[in-house]
């Protein structure tokens, strides 16, 4: 039983969506502390939204099979937090008159390809360190959209598992 609990609790670290949200948190922390005024409430809100996206995956996965409803709720909270963060990055681009990458832009296509392989997380993290804020915001938007899709698929699996769970 003890080994089972340890493996269930640690299993979230193997999820691609968890790895992607950990990267989003890292990028958001860098973005906010480097490019935004520390007195701006947005800094804390963005960092907390990124953290919530990651941490609610941890908490939801820890709820595990014991409570699929709790898992579903927490994964929804993670998804909502990332949507809030997405809006903050889009607002940043809009307010500062920066271009948000269009779906068919070369930049967005390349970043989607790079970000679709979770083994490139360190490379993406290094890329972010040397880019202006509008590029970082666009990179974050690509990652958030990918994480949102992965959470959507995860929610479908949880809902399927809920249908199998006896009342």
Protein backbone atom coordinates (compact mmCIF):
# COMPACT_ATOMS: atom_id res chain seq x y z
CA UNK A 1 0.00 0.00 0.00
CA UNK A 2 2.79 2.44 0.88
CA UNK A 3 4.51 1.90 -2.48
CA UNK A 4 1.20 2.37 -4.29
CA UNK A 5 0.63 5.72 -2.57
CA UNK A 6 4.14 6.89 -3.37
CA UNK A 7 3.78 5.98 -7.03
CA UNK A 8 0.38 7.68 -7.30
CA UNK A 9 1.64 10.88 -5.70
CA UNK A 10 4.77 11.01 -7.86
CA UNK A 11 3.04 10.11 -11.12
CA UNK A 12 2.05 13.70 -11.91
CA UNK A 13 5.73 14.52 -12.55
CA UNK A 14 5.64 12.19 -15.54
CA UNK A 15 2.71 13.98 -17.15
CA UNK A 16 3.60 16.12 -20.14
CA UNK A 17 0.99 18.67 -19.05
CA UNK A 18 2.65 18.96 -15.64
CA UNK A 19 6.06 19.50 -17.27
CA UNK A 20 4.55 22.10 -19.59
CA UNK A 21 2.88 23.98 -16.71
CA UNK A 22 6.14 23.87 -14.72
CA UNK A 23 7.83 25.54 -17.70
CA UNK A 24 4.99 28.09 -17.96
CA UNK A 25 5.48 28.92 -14.28
CA UNK A 26 9.23 29.35 -14.76
CA UNK A 27 8.77 31.57 -17.81
CA UNK A 28 6.06 33.63 -16.13
CA UNK A 29 8.19 34.20 -13.05
CA UNK A 30 11.08 35.38 -15.25
CA UNK A 31 8.79 37.56 -17.38
CA UNK A 32 7.12 39.24 -14.42
CA UNK A 33 10.24 39.84 -12.34
CA UNK A 34 12.25 41.06 -15.33
CA UNK A 35 9.79 43.14 -17.37
CA UNK A 36 6.94 44.25 -15.10
CA UNK A 37 6.93 46.77 -12.28
CA UNK A 38 7.05 44.91 -8.97
CA UNK A 39 4.41 47.32 -7.59
CA UNK A 40 1.94 46.26 -10.29
CA UNK A 41 -0.71 43.86 -8.94
CA UNK A 42 -0.53 42.01 -12.24
CA UNK A 43 2.87 40.58 -11.25
CA UNK A 44 1.50 38.68 -8.29
CA UNK A 45 -1.66 37.69 -10.17
CA UNK A 46 0.27 36.28 -13.13
CA UNK A 47 2.74 34.38 -10.98
CA UNK A 48 -0.06 32.98 -8.84
CA UNK A 49 -2.11 31.97 -11.90
CA UNK A 50 0.91 30.16 -13.36
CA UNK A 51 1.59 28.51 -10.01
CA UNK A 52 -2.05 27.51 -9.62
CA UNK A 53 -2.02 25.92 -13.07
CA UNK A 54 0.87 23.71 -11.99
CA UNK A 55 -0.05 23.07 -8.36
CA UNK A 56 -3.66 22.09 -9.05
CA UNK A 57 -2.40 19.34 -11.34
CA UNK A 58 -0.30 18.08 -8.43
CA UNK A 59 -3.23 18.24 -6.01
CA UNK A 60 -5.68 16.76 -8.51
CA UNK A 61 -3.41 13.84 -9.31
CA UNK A 62 -2.82 13.27 -5.62
CA UNK A 63 -6.58 12.96 -5.12
CA UNK A 64 -6.31 10.09 -7.60
CA UNK A 65 -8.75 7.23 -7.84
CA UNK A 66 -10.09 7.90 -4.34
CA UNK A 67 -11.97 10.93 -5.53
CA UNK A 68 -12.38 11.37 -9.25
CA UNK A 69 -14.77 14.29 -8.63
CA UNK A 70 -12.05 16.12 -6.66
CA UNK A 71 -9.54 15.35 -9.38
CA UNK A 72 -11.92 16.71 -12.01
CA UNK A 73 -12.55 19.87 -9.98
CA UNK A 74 -8.84 20.55 -9.41
CA UNK A 75 -7.90 19.97 -13.03
CA UNK A 76 -10.65 22.44 -13.96
CA UNK A 77 -9.11 24.96 -11.54
CA UNK A 78 -5.72 24.44 -13.23
CA UNK A 79 -7.35 25.01 -16.62
CA UNK A 80 -9.11 28.18 -15.41
CA UNK A 81 -5.92 29.56 -13.90
CA UNK A 82 -4.08 29.10 -17.18
CA UNK A 83 -6.93 30.82 -19.06
CA UNK A 84 -6.56 33.78 -16.70
CA UNK A 85 -2.80 33.82 -17.34
CA UNK A 86 -3.39 33.64 -21.09
CA UNK A 87 -5.57 36.73 -20.86
CA UNK A 88 -2.84 38.57 -18.92
CA UNK A 89 -0.25 37.84 -21.61
CA UNK A 90 -2.67 38.89 -24.35
CA UNK A 91 -3.43 42.09 -22.42
CA UNK A 92 0.29 42.81 -22.12
CA UNK A 93 0.74 42.53 -25.88
CA UNK A 94 -2.35 44.64 -26.56
CA UNK A 95 -1.58 47.38 -24.04
CA UNK A 96 2.00 47.74 -25.28
CA UNK A 97 0.98 47.63 -28.96
CA UNK A 98 2.91 44.42 -29.63
CA UNK A 99 1.85 41.90 -32.21
CA UNK A 100 0.39 38.62 -31.05
CA UNK A 101 1.60 35.87 -33.34
CA UNK A 102 -1.03 34.83 -35.85
CA UNK A 103 -1.85 31.12 -36.17
CA UNK A 104 -0.06 30.83 -39.50
CA UNK A 105 2.95 33.02 -38.62
CA UNK A 106 6.40 31.50 -38.98
CA UNK A 107 7.18 32.28 -35.33
CA UNK A 108 4.09 30.56 -33.97
CA UNK A 109 4.49 27.50 -36.19
CA UNK A 110 8.14 27.08 -35.14
CA UNK A 111 7.36 27.57 -31.45
CA UNK A 112 4.46 25.09 -31.62
CA UNK A 113 6.80 22.51 -33.11
CA UNK A 114 9.53 23.18 -30.57
CA UNK A 115 7.11 23.21 -27.64
CA UNK A 116 5.34 20.03 -28.71
CA UNK A 117 8.38 18.05 -27.59
CA UNK A 118 8.56 18.35 -23.80
CA UNK A 119 12.24 17.36 -23.96
CA UNK A 120 12.93 20.86 -25.32
CA UNK A 121 11.87 22.55 -22.05
CA UNK A 122 15.43 23.56 -21.13
CA UNK A 123 16.03 24.87 -24.64
CA UNK A 124 12.85 26.95 -24.46
CA UNK A 125 13.85 28.20 -21.02
CA UNK A 126 17.23 29.30 -22.43
CA UNK A 127 15.58 30.96 -25.44
CA UNK A 128 13.35 33.00 -23.13
CA UNK A 129 16.32 34.41 -21.20
CA UNK A 130 17.54 36.27 -24.28
CA UNK A 131 14.31 37.52 -25.82
CA UNK A 132 12.34 40.76 -25.48
CA UNK A 133 9.12 40.68 -23.46
CA UNK A 134 6.80 40.56 -26.48
CA UNK A 135 8.49 37.39 -27.73
CA UNK A 136 8.35 35.83 -24.26
CA UNK A 137 4.64 36.68 -24.02
CA UNK A 138 4.01 35.00 -27.37
CA UNK A 139 6.03 31.93 -26.35
CA UNK A 140 4.01 31.73 -23.14
CA UNK A 141 0.76 31.99 -25.13
CA UNK A 142 1.80 29.04 -27.31
CA UNK A 143 2.69 26.97 -24.24
CA UNK A 144 -0.51 27.90 -22.40
CA UNK A 145 -2.63 26.91 -25.40
CA UNK A 146 -0.84 23.57 -25.60
CA UNK A 147 -1.29 23.01 -21.85
CA UNK A 148 -4.97 23.94 -22.17
CA UNK A 149 -5.44 21.31 -24.87
CA UNK A 150 -3.62 18.69 -22.79
CA UNK A 151 -5.78 19.52 -19.77
CA UNK A 152 -8.89 19.23 -21.96
CA UNK A 153 -7.79 15.72 -23.00
CA UNK A 154 -6.98 14.90 -19.37
CA UNK A 155 -10.47 16.06 -18.35
CA UNK A 156 -12.01 13.77 -20.97
CA UNK A 157 -10.13 10.84 -19.46
CA UNK A 158 -11.23 11.77 -15.93
CA UNK A 159 -14.86 12.04 -17.09
CA UNK A 160 -14.57 8.63 -18.74
CA UNK A 161 -13.14 7.22 -15.50
CA UNK A 162 -15.99 8.85 -13.53
CA UNK A 163 -18.54 7.00 -15.69
CA UNK A 164 -16.80 3.72 -14.84
CA UNK A 165 -16.67 4.45 -11.07
CA UNK A 166 -19.45 2.70 -9.13
CA UNK A 167 -21.90 5.01 -7.30
